[in-house]
Amino acid sequence: MVSEQFERNFSLPLVMRGRQVLTRKFSVTVRDITLAEALGGADECSFSLSGLPAHCMGSLLCNIPDPGWRTHTVHDDRIACVLSRDTWHYLSLAGSFEGFMANRYSAKSRESFEREEARLTVRCGGELRLREFRDAAGGAGDFLKAVARIHAVCAAPPPILLEQDRRRPARDGRGYVLFAADEPVAYLRLGRLDDTLCYAGAGERDDYRSVSAGTVLHLQVIRRLFGDGECRYLDFRPGDSEVKRQFANGALRSAVLLNLRPTLLNRAWLAAFVASRRVAATRSSLGPVPGRLALRGA
């Protein structure tokens, strides 16, 4: 699937001593790179501003593969700024589940997973089963009911699992629930974009965390995905978490890249923005990333 492009206003603030002192809005085209595109490499047309609408000041490329760009670079035809960098985890579904397990985990880890599933099976009296709920078959409602039952005995409130990103609308959504006897104890939500499944959230009952219900669920779902052969990848999206590190078998570096027309005002503003971020970084090892904050407010 080729990523779609749309326009929006993007705010670039100047922050001094932890306070936003000025901000400027740019009309930009936004492109959110898909995993298939990222693995295929970034093409030159992703960076060019040729053909940009006259009223647009630049482009914003989200999650584009990062070969190690400088944070701020002045080109002949554009000014580029890396707003944030991240690790993009994914699971390649090529081959077999057995091959994935052998290549991804040591023999000791595989034995540990088997013990965890055996402990959970014993706890539920041998009645451990995985159910799949597909939106296309009317299963979304039943899936959400199972999620609500899980969170009824959890401290954390249930997340919004069916909200779709306007830039990347998922189709053929599906949910997986692990039942111990007749009680749902863990769930996983996925969306689908062509031959790629998109990770959309997961959870488990607090009282089943000690027997690794979430881990057992993920491995059972991954086994099923390898078996049905419908998709090529499970996309965990950029960002770090224990789940991504545990189950992904591939990763790449990604970046959010802002390209602006090389006008004098744009050069001055972007230089000031980069300088203010450097000052903030020297004051705190966890300096703010205004570009990411602005993206969330789209």
C-alpha atoms as a PDB file:
ATOM      1  CA  MET A   1       0.000   0.000   0.000  1.00  0.00           C
ATOM      2  CA  VAL A   2       1.283   3.477  -0.919  1.00  0.00           C
ATOM      3  CA  SER A   3       0.864   6.009   1.845  1.00  0.00           C
ATOM      4  CA  GLU A   4      -1.662   8.765   1.312  1.00  0.00           C
ATOM      5  CA  GLN A   5      -0.855  12.466   1.500  1.00  0.00           C
ATOM      6  CA  PHE A   6      -2.928  15.273   2.965  1.00  0.00           C
ATOM      7  CA  GLU A   7      -2.498  18.895   4.036  1.00  0.00           C
ATOM      8  CA  ARG A   8      -2.560  20.462   7.486  1.00  0.00           C
ATOM      9  CA  ASN A   9      -1.203  23.376   9.498  1.00  0.00           C
ATOM     10  CA  PHE A  10       1.874  22.488  11.504  1.00  0.00           C
ATOM     11  CA  SER A  11       3.021  24.600  14.465  1.00  0.00           C
ATOM     12  CA  LEU A  12       6.713  25.059  15.129  1.00  0.00           C
ATOM     13  CA  PRO A  13       7.314  26.748  18.512  1.00  0.00           C
ATOM     14  CA  LEU A  14      10.307  28.485  20.016  1.00  0.00           C
ATOM     15  CA  VAL A  15      10.809  27.405  23.629  1.00  0.00           C
ATOM     16  CA  MET A  16      13.042  29.324  26.033  1.00  0.00           C
ATOM     17  CA  ARG A  17      13.688  28.163  29.604  1.00  0.00           C
ATOM     18  CA  GLY A  18      10.793  25.727  29.378  1.00  0.00           C
ATOM     19  CA  ARG A  19       8.352  28.359  28.089  1.00  0.00           C
ATOM     20  CA  GLN A  20       6.920  28.745  24.629  1.00  0.00           C
ATOM     21  CA  VAL A  21       7.714  32.312  23.608  1.00  0.00           C
ATOM     22  CA  LEU A  22       6.757  32.296  19.924  1.00  0.00           C
ATOM     23  CA  THR A  23       5.170  29.937  17.443  1.00  0.00           C
ATOM     24  CA  ARG A  24       4.727  29.903  13.702  1.00  0.00           C
ATOM     25  CA  LYS A  25       2.291  27.838  11.662  1.00  0.00           C
ATOM     26  CA  PHE A  26       3.264  26.282   8.354  1.00  0.00           C
ATOM     27  CA  SER A  27       0.881  24.822   5.811  1.00  0.00           C
ATOM     28  CA  VAL A  28       2.474  21.489   4.873  1.00  0.00           C
ATOM     29  CA  THR A  29       1.654  18.284   3.084  1.00  0.00           C
ATOM     30  CA  VAL A  30       1.824  15.274   5.414  1.00  0.00           C
ATOM     31  CA  ARG A  31       2.781  11.766   4.408  1.00  0.00           C
ATOM     32  CA  ASP A  32       2.794   8.865   6.863  1.00  0.00           C
ATOM     33  CA  ILE A  33       5.116   6.198   5.499  1.00  0.00           C
ATOM     34  CA  THR A  34       3.848   2.607   5.545  1.00  0.00           C
ATOM     35  CA  LEU A  35       5.987  -0.292   6.736  1.00  0.00           C
ATOM     36  CA  ALA A  36       6.191  -1.746   3.215  1.00  0.00           C
ATOM     37  CA  GLU A  37       7.488   1.594   1.907  1.00  0.00           C
ATOM     38  CA  ALA A  38       9.943   1.919   4.793  1.00  0.00           C
ATOM     39  CA  LEU A  39      11.393  -1.541   4.190  1.00  0.00           C
ATOM     40  CA  GLY A  40      11.634  -0.761   0.482  1.00  0.00           C
ATOM     41  CA  GLY A  41      13.680   2.368   1.157  1.00  0.00           C
ATOM     42  CA  ALA A  42      12.861   6.058   0.807  1.00  0.00           C
ATOM     43  CA  ASP A  43      12.517   7.284  -2.764  1.00  0.00           C
ATOM     44  CA  GLU A  44      13.809  10.672  -3.855  1.00  0.00           C
ATOM     45  CA  CYS A  45      10.306  12.025  -4.558  1.00  0.00           C
ATOM     46  CA  SER A  46       9.635  11.810  -0.803  1.00  0.00           C
ATOM     47  CA  PHE A  47      12.057  14.685  -0.223  1.00  0.00           C
ATOM     48  CA  SER A  48      11.477  16.892  -3.241  1.00  0.00           C
ATOM     49  CA  LEU A  49       9.247  19.934  -2.869  1.00  0.00           C
ATOM     50  CA  SER A  50       8.621  20.112  -6.607  1.00  0.00           C
ATOM     51  CA  GLY A  51       4.936  19.921  -7.387  1.00  0.00           C
ATOM     52  CA  LEU A  52       4.037  21.250  -3.941  1.00  0.00           C
ATOM     53  CA  PRO A  53       0.877  23.425  -3.957  1.00  0.00           C
ATOM     54  CA  ALA A  54       1.744  27.126  -4.036  1.00  0.00           C
ATOM     55  CA  HIS A  55       0.127  27.800  -0.645  1.00  0.00           C
ATOM     56  CA  CYS A  56       2.112  25.013   1.072  1.00  0.00           C
ATOM     57  CA  MET A  57       5.403  25.908   2.732  1.00  0.00           C
ATOM     58  CA  GLY A  58       6.818  22.402   2.885  1.00  0.00           C
ATOM     59  CA  SER A  59       6.267  18.737   3.654  1.00  0.00           C
ATOM     60  CA  LEU A  60       6.181  16.594   6.781  1.00  0.00           C
ATOM     61  CA  LEU A  61       7.334  12.997   6.369  1.00  0.00           C
ATOM     62  CA  CYS A  62       6.291  10.802   9.278  1.00  0.00           C
ATOM     63  CA  ASN A  63       8.254   7.659  10.150  1.00  0.00           C
ATOM     64  CA  ILE A  64      10.577   7.716   7.183  1.00  0.00           C
ATOM     65  CA  PRO A  65      13.696   5.476   7.369  1.00  0.00           C
ATOM     66  CA  ASP A  66      16.528   7.420   8.995  1.00  0.00           C
ATOM     67  CA  PRO A  67      19.995   6.757   7.524  1.00  0.00           C
ATOM     68  CA  GLY A  68      21.533   9.019  10.155  1.00  0.00           C
ATOM     69  CA  TRP A  69      20.679  12.495   8.906  1.00  0.00           C
ATOM     70  CA  ARG A  70      21.985  15.595  10.611  1.00  0.00           C
ATOM     71  CA  THR A  71      19.295  17.268  12.694  1.00  0.00           C
ATOM     72  CA  HIS A  72      19.381  20.459  10.624  1.00  0.00           C
ATOM     73  CA  THR A  73      20.520  20.547   6.993  1.00  0.00           C
ATOM     74  CA  VAL A  74      20.291  23.279   4.359  1.00  0.00           C
ATOM     75  CA  HIS A  75      19.927  21.916   0.826  1.00  0.00           C
ATOM     76  CA  ASP A  76      19.772  23.817  -2.449  1.00  0.00           C
ATOM     77  CA  ASP A  77      16.026  23.268  -2.816  1.00  0.00           C
ATOM     78  CA  ARG A  78      14.873  22.853   0.805  1.00  0.00           C
ATOM     79  CA  ILE A  79      15.709  23.106   4.494  1.00  0.00           C
ATOM     80  CA  ALA A  80      15.407  19.836   6.400  1.00  0.00           C
ATOM     81  CA  CYS A  81      14.967  19.264  10.123  1.00  0.00           C
ATOM     82  CA  VAL A  82      14.647  15.948  11.957  1.00  0.00           C
ATOM     83  CA  LEU A  83      11.966  16.589  14.589  1.00  0.00           C
ATOM     84  CA  SER A  84      12.224  13.199  16.296  1.00  0.00           C
ATOM     85  CA  ARG A  85      13.808   9.777  15.913  1.00  0.00           C
ATOM     86  CA  ASP A  86      12.485   6.409  17.004  1.00  0.00           C
ATOM     87  CA  THR A  87      12.799   2.654  16.605  1.00  0.00           C
ATOM     88  CA  TRP A  88      10.214   0.987  14.376  1.00  0.00           C
ATOM     89  CA  HIS A  89       9.609  -2.632  15.414  1.00  0.00           C
ATOM     90  CA  TYR A  90       7.900  -5.192  13.211  1.00  0.00           C
ATOM     91  CA  LEU A  91       7.377  -8.928  12.900  1.00  0.00           C
ATOM     92  CA  SER A  92       8.058 -10.578   9.551  1.00  0.00           C
ATOM     93  CA  LEU A  93       5.666 -13.474   9.010  1.00  0.00           C
ATOM     94  CA  ALA A  94       7.837 -15.184   6.400  1.00  0.00           C
ATOM     95  CA  GLY A  95       8.588 -18.843   7.007  1.00  0.00           C
ATOM     96  CA  SER A  96       7.084 -20.890   9.817  1.00  0.00           C
ATOM     97  CA  PHE A  97       6.229 -20.301  13.453  1.00  0.00           C
ATOM     98  CA  GLU A  98       8.752 -22.955  14.465  1.00  0.00           C
ATOM     99  CA  GLY A  99      11.436 -21.164  12.451  1.00  0.00           C
ATOM    100  CA  PHE A 100      10.515 -17.845  14.040  1.00  0.00           C
ATOM    101  CA  MET A 101      10.801 -19.317  17.532  1.00  0.00           C
ATOM    102  CA  ALA A 102      14.130 -21.006  16.803  1.00  0.00           C
ATOM    103  CA  ASN A 103      15.646 -17.885  15.224  1.00  0.00           C
ATOM    104  CA  ARG A 104      14.242 -15.390  17.707  1.00  0.00           C
ATOM    105  CA  TYR A 105      14.643 -17.140  21.083  1.00  0.00           C
ATOM    106  CA  SER A 106      17.193 -19.322  22.793  1.00  0.00           C
ATOM    107  CA  ALA A 107      16.334 -22.885  23.800  1.00  0.00           C
ATOM    108  CA  LYS A 108      16.079 -21.691  27.414  1.00  0.00           C
ATOM    109  CA  SER A 109      13.564 -18.976  26.486  1.00  0.00           C
ATOM    110  CA  ARG A 110      11.474 -21.412  24.447  1.00  0.00           C
ATOM    111  CA  GLU A 111      11.349 -23.819  27.383  1.00  0.00           C
ATOM    112  CA  SER A 112      10.277 -20.933  29.618  1.00  0.00           C
ATOM    113  CA  PHE A 113       7.388 -20.090  27.270  1.00  0.00           C
ATOM    114  CA  GLU A 114       6.264 -23.732  27.318  1.00  0.00           C
ATOM    115  CA  ARG A 115       6.309 -23.763  31.126  1.00  0.00           C
ATOM    116  CA  GLU A 116       4.278 -20.544  31.256  1.00  0.00           C
ATOM    117  CA  GLU A 117       1.604 -21.982  28.977  1.00  0.00           C
ATOM    118  CA  ALA A 118       1.555 -25.233  30.993  1.00  0.00           C
ATOM    119  CA  ARG A 119       1.132 -23.294  34.273  1.00  0.00           C
ATOM    120  CA  LEU A 120      -1.725 -21.268  32.822  1.00  0.00           C
ATOM    121  CA  THR A 121      -3.384 -24.402  31.454  1.00  0.00           C
ATOM    122  CA  VAL A 122      -3.194 -26.093  34.864  1.00  0.00           C
ATOM    123  CA  ARG A 123      -4.622 -23.014  36.596  1.00  0.00           C
ATOM    124  CA  CYS A 124      -7.711 -22.996  34.354  1.00  0.00           C
ATOM    125  CA  GLY A 125      -8.270 -26.728  34.634  1.00  0.00           C
ATOM    126  CA  GLY A 126      -7.020 -27.514  31.136  1.00  0.00           C
ATOM    127  CA  GLU A 127      -9.609 -25.323  29.388  1.00  0.00           C
ATOM    128  CA  LEU A 128      -7.423 -22.773  27.626  1.00  0.00           C
ATOM    129  CA  ARG A 129      -8.626 -21.507  24.243  1.00  0.00           C
ATOM    130  CA  LEU A 130      -8.041 -18.624  21.848  1.00  0.00           C
ATOM    131  CA  ARG A 131     -10.982 -16.933  20.109  1.00  0.00           C
ATOM    132  CA  GLU A 132     -10.794 -14.612  17.118  1.00  0.00           C
ATOM    133  CA  PHE A 133     -13.353 -11.840  16.523  1.00  0.00           C
ATOM    134  CA  ARG A 134     -13.429 -10.220  13.075  1.00  0.00           C
ATOM    135  CA  ASP A 135     -15.139  -6.890  12.460  1.00  0.00           C
ATOM    136  CA  ALA A 136     -16.311  -8.006   9.004  1.00  0.00           C
ATOM    137  CA  ALA A 137     -18.191 -10.909  10.599  1.00  0.00           C
ATOM    138  CA  GLY A 138     -19.842  -8.704  13.227  1.00  0.00           C
ATOM    139  CA  GLY A 139     -17.468  -9.729  15.991  1.00  0.00           C
ATOM    140  CA  ALA A 140     -16.410  -6.248  17.157  1.00  0.00           C
ATOM    141  CA  GLY A 141     -19.205  -6.012  19.715  1.00  0.00           C
ATOM    142  CA  ASP A 142     -18.452  -9.396  21.273  1.00  0.00           C
ATOM    143  CA  PHE A 143     -14.758  -8.559  21.383  1.00  0.00           C
ATOM    144  CA  LEU A 144     -15.397  -5.294  23.240  1.00  0.00           C
ATOM    145  CA  LYS A 145     -17.647  -7.108  25.719  1.00  0.00           C
ATOM    146  CA  ALA A 146     -14.816  -9.544  26.467  1.00  0.00           C
ATOM    147  CA  VAL A 147     -12.378  -6.626  26.887  1.00  0.00           C
ATOM    148  CA  ALA A 148     -14.808  -4.950  29.289  1.00  0.00           C
ATOM    149  CA  ARG A 149     -14.995  -8.168  31.359  1.00  0.00           C
ATOM    150  CA  ILE A 150     -11.201  -8.248  31.574  1.00  0.00           C
ATOM    151  CA  HIS A 151     -10.945  -4.622  32.670  1.00  0.00           C
ATOM    152  CA  ALA A 152     -13.768  -5.035  35.178  1.00  0.00           C
ATOM    153  CA  VAL A 153     -11.224  -6.769  37.424  1.00  0.00           C
ATOM    154  CA  CYS A 154      -8.271  -4.528  36.452  1.00  0.00           C
ATOM    155  CA  ALA A 155      -7.091  -1.309  38.011  1.00  0.00           C
ATOM    156  CA  ALA A 156      -6.590   0.388  34.631  1.00  0.00           C
ATOM    157  CA  PRO A 157      -9.570   1.552  32.536  1.00  0.00           C
ATOM    158  CA  PRO A 158     -10.106  -0.118  29.156  1.00  0.00           C
ATOM    159  CA  PRO A 159      -8.437   1.639  26.200  1.00  0.00           C
ATOM    160  CA  ILE A 160     -10.201   2.860  23.067  1.00  0.00           C
ATOM    161  CA  LEU A 161      -9.418   0.030  20.683  1.00  0.00           C
ATOM    162  CA  LEU A 162     -11.644   0.780  17.711  1.00  0.00           C
ATOM    163  CA  GLU A 163     -10.584   4.389  17.121  1.00  0.00           C
ATOM    164  CA  GLN A 164      -8.963   4.594  13.694  1.00  0.00           C
ATOM    165  CA  ASP A 165      -6.229   6.924  12.485  1.00  0.00           C
ATOM    166  CA  ARG A 166      -7.628   9.177   9.773  1.00  0.00           C
ATOM    167  CA  ARG A 167      -4.338   8.966   7.890  1.00  0.00           C
ATOM    168  CA  ARG A 168      -4.115   5.160   8.041  1.00  0.00           C
ATOM    169  CA  PRO A 169      -7.657   3.744   8.178  1.00  0.00           C
ATOM    170  CA  ALA A 170      -7.494   0.061   9.070  1.00  0.00           C
ATOM    171  CA  ARG A 171      -9.720  -2.503   7.393  1.00  0.00           C
ATOM    172  CA  ASP A 172     -10.603  -6.032   8.430  1.00  0.00           C
ATOM    173  CA  GLY A 173     -10.036  -5.270  12.107  1.00  0.00           C
ATOM    174  CA  ARG A 174      -9.816  -8.268  14.362  1.00  0.00           C
ATOM    175  CA  GLY A 175      -9.528  -9.023  18.048  1.00  0.00           C
ATOM    176  CA  TYR A 176      -8.133 -12.044  19.878  1.00  0.00           C
ATOM    177  CA  VAL A 177      -9.171 -13.108  23.365  1.00  0.00           C
ATOM    178  CA  LEU A 178      -7.608 -15.829  25.493  1.00  0.00           C
ATOM    179  CA  PHE A 179     -10.171 -17.642  27.642  1.00  0.00           C
ATOM    180  CA  ALA A 180      -9.259 -19.604  30.768  1.00  0.00           C
ATOM    181  CA  ALA A 181     -12.275 -21.889  31.089  1.00  0.00           C
ATOM    182  CA  ASP A 182     -15.091 -19.415  30.320  1.00  0.00           C
ATOM    183  CA  GLU A 183     -13.300 -16.323  31.630  1.00  0.00           C
ATOM    184  CA  PRO A 184     -11.510 -13.923  29.270  1.00  0.00           C
ATOM    185  CA  VAL A 185      -8.081 -13.196  30.723  1.00  0.00           C
ATOM    186  CA  ALA A 186      -6.102 -11.434  27.937  1.00  0.00           C
ATOM    187  CA  TYR A 187      -6.811  -9.701  24.634  1.00  0.00           C
ATOM    188  CA  LEU A 188      -5.054  -8.342  21.563  1.00  0.00           C
ATOM    189  CA  ARG A 189      -6.379  -5.957  18.904  1.00  0.00           C
ATOM    190  CA  LEU A 190      -5.088  -5.767  15.299  1.00  0.00           C
ATOM    191  CA  GLY A 191      -6.079  -3.825  12.205  1.00  0.00           C
ATOM    192  CA  ARG A 192      -5.168  -4.681   8.638  1.00  0.00           C
ATOM    193  CA  LEU A 193      -3.792  -2.576   5.782  1.00  0.00           C
ATOM    194  CA  ASP A 194      -3.383  -4.716   2.691  1.00  0.00           C
ATOM    195  CA  ASP A 195      -0.818  -7.399   3.586  1.00  0.00           C
ATOM    196  CA  THR A 196       0.218  -5.762   6.862  1.00  0.00           C
ATOM    197  CA  LEU A 197      -1.401  -6.180  10.280  1.00  0.00           C
ATOM    198  CA  CYS A 198      -1.162  -3.160  12.599  1.00  0.00           C
ATOM    199  CA  TYR A 199      -0.794  -3.602  16.342  1.00  0.00           C
ATOM    200  CA  ALA A 200      -3.556  -1.620  18.081  1.00  0.00           C
ATOM    201  CA  GLY A 201      -3.347  -2.608  21.746  1.00  0.00           C
ATOM    202  CA  ALA A 202      -3.398  -5.456  24.250  1.00  0.00           C
ATOM    203  CA  GLY A 203      -4.122  -6.155  27.897  1.00  0.00           C
ATOM    204  CA  GLU A 204      -4.496  -8.882  30.523  1.00  0.00           C
ATOM    205  CA  ARG A 205      -6.197  -9.416  33.857  1.00  0.00           C
ATOM    206  CA  ASP A 206      -4.088  -8.346  36.814  1.00  0.00           C
ATOM    207  CA  ASP A 207      -4.665 -11.642  38.606  1.00  0.00           C
ATOM    208  CA  TYR A 208      -3.394 -13.595  35.582  1.00  0.00           C
ATOM    209  CA  ARG A 209      -0.263 -11.511  35.089  1.00  0.00           C
ATOM    210  CA  SER A 210       1.759 -13.824  37.352  1.00  0.00           C
ATOM    211  CA  VAL A 211       1.083 -16.755  34.993  1.00  0.00           C
ATOM    212  CA  SER A 212       1.957 -14.677  31.894  1.00  0.00           C
ATOM    213  CA  ALA A 213      -1.465 -14.732  30.236  1.00  0.00           C
ATOM    214  CA  GLY A 214      -0.442 -11.859  27.939  1.00  0.00           C
ATOM    215  CA  THR A 215       2.696 -13.649  26.764  1.00  0.00           C
ATOM    216  CA  VAL A 216       0.792 -16.868  26.101  1.00  0.00           C
ATOM    217  CA  LEU A 217      -1.840 -14.934  24.145  1.00  0.00           C
ATOM    218  CA  HIS A 218       0.724 -13.158  21.951  1.00  0.00           C
ATOM    219  CA  LEU A 219       2.526 -16.384  21.080  1.00  0.00           C
ATOM    220  CA  GLN A 220      -0.738 -18.175  20.277  1.00  0.00           C
ATOM    221  CA  VAL A 221      -1.829 -15.305  18.015  1.00  0.00           C
ATOM    222  CA  ILE A 222       1.577 -15.203  16.299  1.00  0.00           C
ATOM    223  CA  ARG A 223       1.375 -18.960  15.738  1.00  0.00           C
ATOM    224  CA  ARG A 224      -2.033 -18.462  14.085  1.00  0.00           C
ATOM    225  CA  LEU A 225      -0.769 -15.598  11.900  1.00  0.00           C
ATOM    226  CA  PHE A 226       2.097 -17.706  10.614  1.00  0.00           C
ATOM    227  CA  GLY A 227      -0.322 -20.541   9.960  1.00  0.00           C
ATOM    228  CA  ASP A 228      -3.006 -18.644   8.007  1.00  0.00           C
ATOM    229  CA  GLY A 229      -0.475 -16.954   5.692  1.00  0.00           C
ATOM    230  CA  GLU A 230      -2.748 -13.983   4.976  1.00  0.00           C
ATOM    231  CA  CYS A 231      -0.246 -11.206   5.756  1.00  0.00           C
ATOM    232  CA  ARG A 232       3.475 -10.506   5.420  1.00  0.00           C
ATOM    233  CA  TYR A 233       4.060  -8.320   8.473  1.00  0.00           C
ATOM    234  CA  LEU A 234       2.804  -7.422  11.917  1.00  0.00           C
ATOM    235  CA  ASP A 235       3.563  -3.712  12.276  1.00  0.00           C
ATOM    236  CA  PHE A 236       4.207  -2.583  15.865  1.00  0.00           C
ATOM    237  CA  ARG A 237       4.710   1.055  14.698  1.00  0.00           C
ATOM    238  CA  PRO A 238       7.479   3.369  15.966  1.00  0.00           C
ATOM    239  CA  GLY A 239       8.030   3.604  19.703  1.00  0.00           C
ATOM    240  CA  ASP A 240       9.580   1.373  22.299  1.00  0.00           C
ATOM    241  CA  SER A 241       7.869  -1.038  24.686  1.00  0.00           C
ATOM    242  CA  GLU A 242       8.516  -4.399  26.312  1.00  0.00           C
ATOM    243  CA  VAL A 243       5.961  -6.125  24.052  1.00  0.00           C
ATOM    244  CA  LYS A 244       7.642  -4.823  20.901  1.00  0.00           C
ATOM    245  CA  ARG A 245      11.094  -5.835  22.046  1.00  0.00           C
ATOM    246  CA  GLN A 246       9.858  -9.287  23.062  1.00  0.00           C
ATOM    247  CA  PHE A 247       7.951 -10.297  19.926  1.00  0.00           C
ATOM    248  CA  ALA A 248       9.381  -8.297  17.015  1.00  0.00           C
ATOM    249  CA  ASN A 249      11.987  -9.976  14.837  1.00  0.00           C
ATOM    250  CA  GLY A 250      12.947  -6.860  12.908  1.00  0.00           C
ATOM    251  CA  ALA A 251      13.483  -3.146  13.522  1.00  0.00           C
ATOM    252  CA  LEU A 252      14.612  -0.039  11.693  1.00  0.00           C
ATOM    253  CA  ARG A 253      15.400   3.526  12.678  1.00  0.00           C
ATOM    254  CA  SER A 254      12.733   6.035  11.701  1.00  0.00           C
ATOM    255  CA  ALA A 255      12.406   9.794  11.840  1.00  0.00           C
ATOM    256  CA  VAL A 256       9.868  12.577  11.483  1.00  0.00           C
ATOM    257  CA  LEU A 257      11.368  14.900   8.866  1.00  0.00           C
ATOM    258  CA  LEU A 258      10.235  18.453   8.140  1.00  0.00           C
ATOM    259  CA  ASN A 259      11.188  19.963   4.768  1.00  0.00           C
ATOM    260  CA  LEU A 260      10.593  23.691   4.179  1.00  0.00           C
ATOM    261  CA  ARG A 261      11.048  25.992   1.226  1.00  0.00           C
ATOM    262  CA  PRO A 262      14.462  27.685   1.553  1.00  0.00           C
ATOM    263  CA  THR A 263      13.164  31.241   2.058  1.00  0.00           C
ATOM    264  CA  LEU A 264      15.109  33.638   4.259  1.00  0.00           C
ATOM    265  CA  LEU A 265      12.374  33.673   6.916  1.00  0.00           C
ATOM    266  CA  ASN A 266      12.128  29.867   6.971  1.00  0.00           C
ATOM    267  CA  ARG A 267      15.904  29.575   7.302  1.00  0.00           C
ATOM    268  CA  ALA A 268      15.964  31.969  10.254  1.00  0.00           C
ATOM    269  CA  TRP A 269      12.985  30.395  12.024  1.00  0.00           C
ATOM    270  CA  LEU A 270      14.215  26.827  11.646  1.00  0.00           C
ATOM    271  CA  ALA A 271      17.713  27.776  12.796  1.00  0.00           C
ATOM    272  CA  ALA A 272      16.232  29.447  15.892  1.00  0.00           C
ATOM    273  CA  PHE A 273      14.026  26.410  16.553  1.00  0.00           C
ATOM    274  CA  VAL A 274      16.985  24.013  16.369  1.00  0.00           C
ATOM    275  CA  ALA A 275      19.076  26.291  18.599  1.00  0.00           C
ATOM    276  CA  SER A 276      16.310  26.446  21.231  1.00  0.00           C
ATOM    277  CA  ARG A 277      16.093  22.648  21.272  1.00  0.00           C
ATOM    278  CA  ARG A 278      19.842  22.352  21.763  1.00  0.00           C
ATOM    279  CA  VAL A 279      19.665  24.705  24.735  1.00  0.00           C
ATOM    280  CA  ALA A 280      16.776  22.675  26.201  1.00  0.00           C
ATOM    281  CA  ALA A 281      18.744  19.450  25.689  1.00  0.00           C
ATOM    282  CA  THR A 282      21.690  20.794  27.669  1.00  0.00           C
ATOM    283  CA  ARG A 283      19.357  21.660  30.546  1.00  0.00           C
ATOM    284  CA  SER A 284      17.608  18.302  30.571  1.00  0.00           C
ATOM    285  CA  SER A 285      18.466  14.891  29.162  1.00  0.00           C
ATOM    286  CA  LEU A 286      14.767  14.536  28.315  1.00  0.00           C
ATOM    287  CA  GLY A 287      14.195  17.749  26.439  1.00  0.00           C
ATOM    288  CA  PRO A 288      10.796  18.317  24.793  1.00  0.00           C
ATOM    289  CA  VAL A 289      10.117  17.277  21.211  1.00  0.00           C
ATOM    290  CA  PRO A 290       7.691  19.953  19.996  1.00  0.00           C
ATOM    291  CA  GLY A 291       7.255  18.325  16.599  1.00  0.00           C
ATOM    292  CA  ARG A 292       5.851  15.141  18.124  1.00  0.00           C
ATOM    293  CA  LEU A 293       3.544  17.066  20.450  1.00  0.00           C
ATOM    294  CA  ALA A 294       2.164  19.017  17.532  1.00  0.00           C
ATOM    295  CA  LEU A 295       1.609  15.825  15.525  1.00  0.00           C
ATOM    296  CA  ARG A 296      -0.557  14.384  18.286  1.00  0.00           C
ATOM    297  CA  GLY A 297      -2.753  17.430  18.160  1.00  0.00           C
ATOM    298  CA  ALA A 298      -3.582  16.966  14.478  1.00  0.00           C
END
